[in-house]
Protein backbone atom coordinates (compact mmCIF):
# COMPACT_ATOMS: atom_id res chain seq x y z
CA MET A 1 120.89 162.56 134.46
CA ALA A 2 117.45 161.90 135.93
CA GLU A 3 117.24 162.03 139.70
CA LEU A 4 116.85 158.70 141.44
CA PRO A 5 113.44 158.40 143.14
CA GLN A 6 113.59 159.01 146.88
CA PRO A 7 112.18 156.37 149.25
CA PRO A 8 108.99 157.32 151.10
CA ALA A 9 109.46 158.86 154.55
CA GLN A 10 107.71 155.93 156.28
CA SER A 11 110.42 153.54 155.04
CA LYS A 12 113.17 155.32 157.00
CA ALA A 13 112.37 153.42 160.19
CA ILE A 14 112.58 150.08 158.37
CA VAL A 15 115.86 151.08 156.72
CA PHE A 16 117.24 152.17 160.10
CA VAL A 17 116.29 148.85 161.72
CA ARG A 18 117.80 146.80 158.88
CA ARG A 19 120.93 148.91 158.86
CA SER A 20 121.28 148.60 162.63
CA ALA A 21 120.83 144.82 162.49
CA SER A 22 123.46 144.49 159.75
CA THR A 23 125.82 146.74 161.69
CA LEU A 24 125.42 144.67 164.86
CA PHE A 25 126.04 141.47 162.91
CA LEU A 26 129.19 142.90 161.34
CA TRP A 27 130.57 144.11 164.65
CA ALA A 28 129.84 140.71 166.21
CA LEU A 29 131.74 139.06 163.34
CA VAL A 30 134.66 141.48 163.64
CA THR A 31 134.74 141.02 167.41
CA SER A 32 134.81 137.23 167.14
CA ILE A 33 137.67 137.38 164.62
CA PHE A 34 139.48 139.91 166.80
CA MET A 35 139.14 137.65 169.82
CA SER A 36 140.40 134.61 167.89
CA ARG A 37 143.47 136.50 166.62
CA TYR A 38 143.98 133.86 163.91
CA THR A 39 145.84 135.28 160.93
CA TRP A 40 143.75 133.26 158.48
CA ALA A 41 140.51 134.65 159.98
CA PHE A 42 141.64 138.27 159.59
CA LEU A 43 142.81 137.71 156.03
CA ALA A 44 139.73 135.65 155.09
CA LEU A 45 137.42 138.50 156.08
CA ILE A 46 139.51 141.03 154.15
CA ALA A 47 139.62 138.71 151.14
CA VAL A 48 135.87 138.12 151.04
CA LEU A 49 135.08 141.83 151.27
CA ALA A 50 137.68 142.80 148.67
CA ILE A 51 136.77 140.15 146.10
CA VAL A 52 133.01 140.52 146.51
CA ALA A 53 133.33 144.32 146.18
CA THR A 54 135.37 143.85 143.00
CA VAL A 55 132.73 141.53 141.55
CA GLU A 56 130.00 144.04 142.47
CA PHE A 57 131.88 146.87 140.76
CA PHE A 58 132.21 144.99 137.49
CA GLN A 59 128.60 143.81 137.70
CA MET A 60 127.46 147.44 137.98
CA LEU A 61 129.55 148.31 134.93
CA ARG A 62 128.10 145.46 132.88
CA ALA A 63 124.56 146.27 134.00
CA ALA A 64 125.08 149.83 132.77
CA GLU A 65 126.57 148.45 129.52
CA VAL A 66 129.92 150.09 130.18
CA LYS A 67 132.80 148.29 128.54
CA CYS A 68 135.18 146.46 130.91
CA PHE A 69 137.24 143.30 131.08
CA SER A 70 135.57 141.95 134.16
CA ARG A 71 136.91 138.40 134.20
CA PHE A 72 140.47 139.60 133.84
CA GLY A 73 139.98 142.26 136.54
CA ILE A 74 138.42 139.83 139.03
CA LEU A 75 141.03 137.13 138.36
CA LEU A 76 143.95 139.52 138.80
CA SER A 77 142.38 140.93 141.97
CA ALA A 78 142.12 137.45 143.46
CA ILE A 79 145.70 136.54 142.50
CA TYR A 80 147.09 139.82 143.87
CA SER A 81 145.23 139.39 147.15
CA GLY A 82 146.40 135.79 147.41
CA ILE A 83 150.06 136.81 146.99
CA LEU A 84 149.75 139.40 149.76
CA TYR A 85 148.05 136.96 152.13
CA PHE A 86 150.57 134.20 151.40
CA ASN A 87 153.40 136.47 152.50
CA PHE A 88 151.60 137.53 155.67
CA MET A 89 150.72 133.94 156.50
CA ARG A 90 154.43 133.13 156.27
CA GLY A 91 155.06 135.65 159.04
CA GLU A 92 156.29 138.62 157.03
CA ASN A 93 155.47 142.10 158.38
CA GLU A 94 155.63 143.82 155.01
CA VAL A 95 155.15 143.03 151.34
CA SER A 96 157.40 144.82 148.87
CA PHE A 97 155.82 147.58 146.84
CA ALA A 98 157.46 145.92 143.85
CA VAL A 99 154.53 143.50 144.05
CA ASP A 100 152.14 146.45 143.71
CA ALA A 101 154.09 147.93 140.80
CA LEU A 102 154.12 144.58 138.99
CA ALA A 103 150.38 144.13 139.57
CA LEU A 104 149.64 147.60 138.15
CA LEU A 105 151.83 146.84 135.13
CA ILE A 106 150.04 143.55 134.52
CA VAL A 107 146.54 145.01 134.82
CA LEU A 108 147.35 147.90 132.49
CA ALA A 109 149.27 145.86 129.91
CA GLY A 110 146.71 143.05 130.15
CA ALA A 111 143.75 145.38 129.62
CA PHE A 112 145.40 146.95 126.56
CA THR A 113 146.21 143.47 125.25
CA LEU A 114 142.58 142.42 125.59
CA GLN A 115 141.52 145.63 123.84
CA LEU A 116 143.68 144.70 120.84
CA ARG A 117 141.13 142.00 119.98
CA HIS A 118 138.46 144.62 119.28
CA PRO A 119 138.16 147.33 116.62
CA ILE A 120 138.75 150.93 117.68
CA HIS A 121 135.49 152.77 118.46
CA GLY A 122 136.46 156.16 119.79
CA LEU A 123 136.61 156.60 123.56
CA GLU A 124 134.95 153.22 124.10
CA SER A 125 138.29 151.60 123.29
CA LEU A 126 139.88 153.38 126.26
CA THR A 127 136.89 152.85 128.53
CA GLY A 128 137.52 149.11 128.87
CA VAL A 129 141.14 149.72 129.88
CA ALA A 130 140.28 152.56 132.28
CA THR A 131 137.42 150.76 134.05
CA THR A 132 139.46 147.58 134.47
CA LEU A 133 142.36 149.53 135.98
CA LEU A 134 139.95 151.46 138.24
CA GLY A 135 138.32 148.22 139.39
CA PHE A 136 141.70 146.84 140.47
CA VAL A 137 143.00 149.99 142.16
CA TYR A 138 139.72 150.96 143.85
CA MET A 139 138.97 147.72 145.72
CA PRO A 140 141.70 145.05 145.99
CA PHE A 141 144.63 147.48 145.90
CA LEU A 142 143.34 150.16 148.29
CA PHE A 143 141.28 147.93 150.59
CA ASN A 144 144.14 145.49 151.10
CA PHE A 145 145.96 148.21 153.01
CA THR A 146 143.89 146.89 155.91
CA ALA A 147 145.98 143.71 155.68
CA ARG A 148 149.20 145.73 155.55
CA ILE A 149 148.10 147.70 158.62
CA THR A 150 147.48 144.52 160.59
CA PHE A 151 151.15 143.55 160.34
CA ILE A 152 152.98 146.89 160.10
CA VAL A 153 153.69 147.32 163.83
CA PRO A 154 156.70 145.23 164.94
CA ASP A 155 155.72 142.72 167.63
CA THR A 156 158.52 140.67 169.17
CA ALA A 157 156.00 138.43 170.92
CA ARG A 158 154.16 137.54 167.73
CA VAL A 159 153.39 133.84 167.25
CA ALA A 160 153.20 132.28 163.79
CA GLY A 161 149.61 132.10 162.58
CA VAL A 162 148.40 134.59 165.18
CA VAL A 163 147.98 138.34 164.66
CA GLY A 164 149.99 140.40 167.13
CA GLU A 165 148.16 142.40 169.78
CA HIS A 166 149.31 145.76 168.41
CA GLY A 167 148.26 144.95 164.85
CA ALA A 168 144.87 143.64 165.94
CA PHE A 169 144.11 146.75 168.00
CA LEU A 170 145.35 149.03 165.23
CA LEU A 171 142.98 147.44 162.72
CA LEU A 172 140.13 147.63 165.23
CA TRP A 173 140.95 151.31 165.85
CA LEU A 174 140.85 152.02 162.11
CA LEU A 175 137.49 150.28 161.69
CA ALA A 176 136.05 152.05 164.73
CA VAL A 177 137.12 155.53 163.57
CA THR A 178 135.94 154.94 160.01
CA LYS A 179 132.60 153.43 160.93
CA PHE A 180 131.93 155.92 163.72
CA THR A 181 132.46 158.60 161.09
CA ASP A 182 129.84 156.97 158.85
CA MET A 183 127.52 156.50 161.82
CA GLY A 184 127.92 160.10 162.99
CA ALA A 185 127.17 161.44 159.53
CA TYR A 186 124.10 159.19 159.21
CA ILE A 187 122.64 159.82 162.69
CA VAL A 188 123.23 163.59 162.87
CA GLY A 189 122.32 164.09 159.24
CA SER A 190 119.05 162.18 159.69
CA MET A 191 118.14 164.07 162.85
CA ILE A 192 119.05 167.68 162.11
CA GLY A 193 120.45 167.73 158.57
CA ARG A 194 119.16 170.74 156.67
CA HIS A 195 121.93 172.15 154.50
CA LYS A 196 122.83 169.95 151.53
CA MET A 197 126.51 169.23 151.15
CA ILE A 198 126.88 168.10 147.53
CA PRO A 199 123.32 167.47 146.30
CA HIS A 200 124.34 166.68 142.71
CA VAL A 201 126.37 163.72 144.02
CA SER A 202 124.52 162.59 147.15
CA PRO A 203 121.25 164.38 147.98
CA GLY A 204 121.17 162.89 151.48
CA LYS A 205 124.55 164.27 152.64
CA THR A 206 124.38 167.43 154.73
CA TRP A 207 126.90 169.76 156.39
CA GLU A 208 125.32 168.95 159.74
CA GLY A 209 126.02 165.28 159.04
CA PHE A 210 129.62 166.14 158.18
CA GLY A 211 129.95 167.88 161.53
CA GLY A 212 128.54 164.79 163.22
CA ALA A 213 131.09 162.67 161.35
CA LEU A 214 133.97 164.77 162.71
CA VAL A 215 132.65 164.58 166.28
CA PHE A 216 132.00 160.83 166.22
CA SER A 217 135.41 160.14 164.67
CA GLN A 218 137.10 161.96 167.57
CA ILE A 219 135.02 160.02 170.07
CA ALA A 220 136.21 156.74 168.54
CA ALA A 221 139.82 157.80 167.98
CA CYS A 222 140.41 159.33 171.40
CA GLY A 223 138.13 156.92 173.24
CA PHE A 224 139.96 153.82 172.01
CA TYR A 225 143.34 155.41 172.68
CA ALA A 226 142.29 156.27 176.23
CA LEU A 227 141.03 152.73 176.85
CA PHE A 228 143.98 150.90 175.28
CA PRO A 229 147.09 153.12 175.53
CA ALA A 230 149.50 150.18 175.84
CA GLN A 231 148.12 148.38 172.78
CA LEU A 232 148.17 151.62 170.75
CA PHE A 233 151.48 152.93 172.10
CA PHE A 234 152.81 153.69 168.61
CA PHE A 235 150.50 156.72 168.36
CA GLN A 236 152.89 158.26 170.92
CA LYS A 237 150.78 161.28 171.89
CA TRP A 238 147.27 162.71 171.75
CA SER A 239 148.07 165.17 168.97
CA HIS A 240 148.68 162.30 166.53
CA VAL A 241 145.45 160.61 167.57
CA ALA A 242 143.39 163.78 167.20
CA PHE A 243 144.93 164.66 163.85
CA LEU A 244 144.40 161.17 162.49
CA GLY A 245 140.81 161.25 163.73
CA ILE A 246 140.15 164.37 161.63
CA LEU A 247 142.14 163.14 158.61
CA LEU A 248 140.42 159.77 158.50
CA ALA A 249 136.99 161.34 159.01
CA VAL A 250 137.48 163.63 156.00
CA LEU A 251 138.77 160.75 153.88
CA ALA A 252 135.91 158.50 155.00
CA VAL A 253 133.40 161.10 153.81
CA ILE A 254 135.30 161.49 150.51
CA GLY A 255 135.35 157.70 150.13
CA ASP A 256 131.61 157.52 150.66
CA LEU A 257 131.03 160.32 148.14
CA ALA A 258 133.40 158.66 145.66
CA GLU A 259 131.19 155.58 145.65
CA SER A 260 128.17 157.82 145.23
CA VAL A 261 129.79 159.21 142.07
CA VAL A 262 130.26 155.66 140.76
CA LYS A 263 126.72 154.55 141.59
CA ARG A 264 125.03 157.65 140.19
CA ALA A 265 127.13 157.49 137.03
CA LEU A 266 126.05 153.86 136.58
CA HIS A 267 122.44 154.45 137.73
CA ALA A 268 122.82 151.98 140.62
CA LYS A 269 121.21 152.47 144.02
CA ASP A 270 123.43 149.99 145.89
CA SER A 271 126.47 148.01 144.83
CA GLY A 272 124.75 144.78 145.91
CA LYS A 273 122.30 143.19 148.35
CA MET A 274 124.67 141.34 150.66
CA LEU A 275 123.74 143.37 153.76
CA PRO A 276 120.13 144.50 154.40
CA GLY A 277 119.96 148.24 155.02
CA ILE A 278 123.57 148.76 153.90
CA GLY A 279 123.82 147.21 150.47
CA GLY A 280 126.78 145.33 149.08
CA SER A 281 130.38 144.84 150.08
CA LEU A 282 131.47 147.99 148.23
CA ASP A 283 128.86 150.00 150.14
CA LEU A 284 130.49 148.68 153.32
CA ILE A 285 134.15 149.25 152.51
CA ASP A 286 134.01 152.38 150.33
CA SER A 287 135.28 154.69 153.09
CA ILE A 288 137.87 152.18 154.35
CA CYS A 289 139.41 152.10 150.85
CA PHE A 290 140.50 155.70 151.52
CA THR A 291 141.21 155.65 155.25
CA ALA A 292 143.33 152.48 155.38
CA PRO A 293 146.04 153.70 152.95
CA ALA A 294 146.21 157.10 154.70
CA LEU A 295 146.71 155.48 158.11
CA TYR A 296 149.32 153.10 156.67
CA PHE A 297 151.43 155.88 155.17
CA TYR A 298 151.13 158.04 158.30
CA LEU A 299 152.43 155.15 160.35
CA LYS A 300 155.12 154.33 157.78
CA TRP A 301 156.44 157.85 157.33
CA VAL A 302 155.65 159.63 160.61
CA LEU A 303 155.16 157.25 163.52
CA LEU A 304 157.22 154.21 162.51
CA PRO A 305 159.78 155.47 159.99
CA ASN A 306 162.47 153.05 161.15
CA SER A 307 160.32 149.91 161.35
């Protein structure tokens, strides 16, 4: 595949300014929602990011003339997200994984059903099914673990329609660790990055940037835990915080590289143009799609097994 043209060196400052402005705007938005603590505000932000990212994914596929059942994938993603949010709005702390299993069955059976309308043309006949399933699992399924995380910690003082303090701080902690990882990789890699990490996937990623990602993730993980020990009591001890900081940092980098694989395979520079300097919604949430499920299962199986 031909290499994508690299932007001129003089544009780096402009990209940095735009990226910084978008980052500040996003953190201001997240902070305002965090301060409001309204359940609908948390879920609305998650919904917008998940659905827009799903639309962007299918648009990239169609632009690259890759077969997919985009309308079906987007519709099912919206319905699945709506079912999750409806249950959380009713005050439930958990949504049965039977809902997930049913959704996966529907997307797979539905994609094959749609394929039955078309003649068989080699691997192309499986491509439509595979890309539709990937579009559902990649964004709405994985990213919606952020919603599950928000309500996983039991909170006896929780008020209907308001996110509990522990859930709100847990989500903020996840976002901080994930985005500090991205920021550390970007800043350190831009300043001193010399040794390419995986140049055939992402020419800009360096091992120095990866080291910066690990350091920044620990700063966020341990820093937030030190500042808010009561709100993050469920972490129990520093060893869990430090381990999760490393685990999420590695997964955030993998998530970022996974999107790079998608974009390079589809010859796309960014998933969209929603955020200047960052790109689209998928460019924003790619790493969270991997870190949110990992944090959820660690909490579910290690820290809160009896909740």
